Amino acid sequence: MTSRSIQKIQHYTINAKTLMICPDVDPHQCLIYEGEDLYLCESTSFDIVDQSCMSRGTTLDGRRQAVKSILENKHKPPIPIDTEKGLIFMPTKIMRDIECAWISYNHLHTVNAHPDDPSISNITFANGITYEALVSKKQLTKQIVMAGHVFGHFKKGSFLG
């Protein structure tokens, strides 16, 4: 990622501009990439995802259970934060892992394997911002397919009317 100034905040709610939420050096904080802005939040990435679900009248566990009922693969399910807006975030590790990053399905542009380490993916977002994620391209591709399935499941009602 390019260097930019970091704005410190106490709380955060995922929105349509959120690209990614990733762990910071301090396990009780996380970095949030929102459009061109970068925030350091005094919450864990898990807590932000959970609070973002609750602000929309549900819980992270409720979303997780709903997705598990839709998907055959139940490992690291993508979470639809807001089904009306199609905001779906994919965890790179088990959700409560302090190294887990949450990546927006909606803003992904490309995913490539790191040239020197296949356990790392080079992610490019639609706005050109790049990030090295601690997840293999193969695993992240599975996450993207699952997120697409979840997106289609929740959006098909809006198309069928």
Protein backbone atom coordinates (compact mmCIF):
# COMPACT_ATOMS: atom_id res chain seq x y z
CA MET A 1 0.00 0.00 0.00
CA THR A 2 1.19 3.51 -0.64
CA SER A 3 2.04 5.59 2.39
CA ARG A 4 -0.63 8.02 3.52
CA SER A 5 -1.61 9.71 6.74
CA ILE A 6 -3.48 7.58 9.23
CA GLN A 7 -6.49 8.99 11.03
CA LYS A 8 -7.08 7.58 14.52
CA ILE A 9 -10.67 6.71 15.40
CA GLN A 10 -12.44 4.98 18.28
CA HIS A 11 -15.27 3.23 16.39
CA TYR A 12 -16.06 2.29 12.81
CA THR A 13 -19.00 0.91 10.87
CA ILE A 14 -18.43 -0.83 7.53
CA ASN A 15 -19.90 1.08 4.60
CA ALA A 16 -19.95 0.98 0.79
CA LYS A 17 -16.46 2.58 0.60
CA THR A 18 -14.75 0.10 2.95
CA LEU A 19 -12.09 -1.87 1.04
CA MET A 20 -10.53 -3.87 3.82
CA ILE A 21 -10.06 -4.20 7.57
CA CYS A 22 -6.75 -5.70 8.63
CA PRO A 23 -4.86 -6.30 11.86
CA ASP A 24 -2.37 -3.80 13.22
CA VAL A 25 0.76 -4.54 15.25
CA ASP A 26 -1.33 -4.01 18.40
CA PRO A 27 -3.80 -6.95 18.57
CA HIS A 28 -6.49 -4.64 19.99
CA GLN A 29 -6.41 -2.31 16.98
CA CYS A 30 -6.91 -2.59 13.25
CA LEU A 31 -6.29 -0.64 10.07
CA ILE A 32 -9.24 0.25 7.87
CA TYR A 33 -8.90 1.10 4.21
CA GLU A 34 -11.85 3.18 3.07
CA GLY A 35 -11.58 4.53 -0.45
CA GLU A 36 -8.37 6.60 -0.38
CA ASP A 37 -8.48 7.01 3.42
CA LEU A 38 -6.67 4.97 6.06
CA TYR A 39 -7.89 4.71 9.66
CA LEU A 40 -6.40 3.19 12.80
CA CYS A 41 -9.27 2.00 14.98
CA GLU A 42 -9.21 1.10 18.67
CA SER A 43 -11.15 -2.12 17.97
CA THR A 44 -10.29 -5.50 16.53
CA SER A 45 -11.33 -6.34 12.99
CA PHE A 46 -13.68 -9.00 14.39
CA ASP A 47 -15.38 -6.44 16.64
CA ILE A 48 -15.84 -4.02 13.74
CA VAL A 49 -17.47 -6.70 11.58
CA ASP A 50 -19.68 -7.79 14.48
CA GLN A 51 -20.70 -4.21 15.33
CA SER A 52 -21.36 -3.45 11.65
CA CYS A 53 -23.75 -6.41 11.49
CA MET A 54 -25.45 -5.32 14.73
CA SER A 55 -25.94 -1.78 13.45
CA ARG A 56 -28.01 -3.38 10.69
CA GLY A 57 -30.20 -5.38 13.06
CA THR A 58 -28.40 -8.72 13.09
CA THR A 59 -25.29 -10.35 14.54
CA LEU A 60 -22.12 -11.69 12.99
CA ASP A 61 -23.03 -15.13 14.30
CA GLY A 62 -26.49 -14.85 12.74
CA ARG A 63 -24.97 -13.89 9.38
CA ARG A 64 -22.44 -16.71 9.67
CA GLN A 65 -25.18 -19.26 10.37
CA ALA A 66 -27.26 -17.98 7.45
CA VAL A 67 -24.31 -18.29 5.07
CA LYS A 68 -23.46 -21.76 6.35
CA SER A 69 -27.01 -22.86 5.50
CA ILE A 70 -26.51 -21.60 1.92
CA LEU A 71 -23.00 -22.90 1.22
CA GLU A 72 -21.66 -26.42 1.17
CA ASN A 73 -18.19 -25.21 2.19
CA LYS A 74 -18.52 -23.92 5.73
CA HIS A 75 -14.85 -23.00 6.31
CA LYS A 76 -14.26 -19.23 6.64
CA PRO A 77 -17.61 -18.21 5.14
CA PRO A 78 -17.95 -14.73 3.63
CA ILE A 79 -20.20 -12.45 5.67
CA PRO A 80 -22.91 -10.31 4.08
CA ILE A 81 -22.72 -7.17 6.21
CA ASP A 82 -25.58 -5.47 4.35
CA THR A 83 -27.64 -7.59 1.95
CA GLU A 84 -29.52 -4.57 0.56
CA LYS A 85 -26.28 -2.90 -0.52
CA GLY A 86 -24.48 -6.16 -1.34
CA LEU A 87 -21.66 -5.52 1.15
CA ILE A 88 -19.88 -8.86 1.57
CA PHE A 89 -16.60 -9.29 3.42
CA MET A 90 -14.32 -12.30 3.25
CA PRO A 91 -12.14 -13.34 6.20
CA THR A 92 -8.59 -14.41 5.33
CA LYS A 93 -8.31 -16.62 8.40
CA ILE A 94 -10.62 -17.99 11.07
CA MET A 95 -12.72 -15.00 12.12
CA ARG A 96 -11.39 -14.61 15.67
CA ASP A 97 -7.73 -15.02 14.63
CA ILE A 98 -5.92 -11.76 15.42
CA GLU A 99 -4.22 -11.98 12.00
CA CYS A 100 -7.54 -12.20 10.16
CA ALA A 101 -8.10 -9.49 7.56
CA TRP A 102 -11.54 -8.81 6.09
CA ILE A 103 -11.61 -8.03 2.38
CA SER A 104 -14.50 -6.46 0.51
CA TYR A 105 -15.80 -8.70 -2.26
CA ASN A 106 -17.28 -5.66 -3.99
CA HIS A 107 -14.01 -3.75 -4.35
CA LEU A 108 -11.67 -6.55 -5.46
CA HIS A 109 -10.16 -6.12 -8.89
CA THR A 110 -7.39 -8.73 -9.20
CA VAL A 111 -5.71 -11.37 -7.06
CA ASN A 112 -2.29 -12.75 -7.94
CA ALA A 113 0.05 -15.14 -6.19
CA HIS A 114 3.08 -13.50 -4.63
CA PRO A 115 6.08 -14.29 -6.88
CA ASP A 116 8.27 -15.48 -3.99
CA ASP A 117 5.75 -16.91 -1.52
CA PRO A 118 2.66 -18.85 -2.63
CA SER A 119 1.08 -18.41 0.83
CA ILE A 120 0.69 -14.68 0.10
CA SER A 121 -1.69 -13.02 -2.37
CA ASN A 122 -1.18 -9.67 -4.03
CA ILE A 123 -4.56 -7.97 -4.08
CA THR A 124 -5.45 -4.98 -6.23
CA PHE A 125 -8.66 -3.14 -5.46
CA ALA A 126 -10.77 -1.41 -8.11
CA ASN A 127 -9.34 1.99 -7.11
CA GLY A 128 -5.75 0.77 -7.69
CA ILE A 129 -4.77 0.30 -4.04
CA THR A 130 -2.73 -2.87 -3.49
CA TYR A 131 -2.25 -5.10 -0.46
CA GLU A 132 -0.30 -8.28 0.35
CA ALA A 133 -2.68 -10.65 2.15
CA LEU A 134 -1.46 -13.56 4.24
CA VAL A 135 -3.60 -16.04 2.33
CA SER A 136 -2.80 -18.07 -0.77
CA LYS A 137 -4.31 -17.16 -4.13
CA LYS A 138 -5.99 -20.59 -4.19
CA GLN A 139 -7.69 -20.02 -0.83
CA LEU A 140 -8.67 -16.44 -1.66
CA THR A 141 -10.12 -17.59 -4.98
CA LYS A 142 -12.32 -20.06 -3.06
CA GLN A 143 -13.43 -17.18 -0.83
CA ILE A 144 -14.30 -15.08 -3.89
CA VAL A 145 -16.39 -17.89 -5.40
CA MET A 146 -18.24 -18.37 -2.10
CA ALA A 147 -18.83 -14.62 -1.79
CA GLY A 148 -20.22 -14.53 -5.33
CA HIS A 149 -22.59 -17.36 -4.46
CA VAL A 150 -23.75 -15.52 -1.33
CA PHE A 151 -24.12 -12.26 -3.26
CA GLY A 152 -26.24 -14.00 -5.89
CA HIS A 153 -28.38 -15.70 -3.25
CA PHE A 154 -29.27 -12.46 -1.49
CA LYS A 155 -29.61 -10.34 -4.64
CA LYS A 156 -31.72 -12.72 -6.74
CA GLY A 157 -34.88 -11.62 -4.94
CA SER A 158 -34.28 -8.03 -6.01
CA PHE A 159 -34.08 -9.14 -9.65
CA LEU A 160 -37.10 -11.45 -9.53
CA GLY A 161 -39.22 -8.87 -7.78
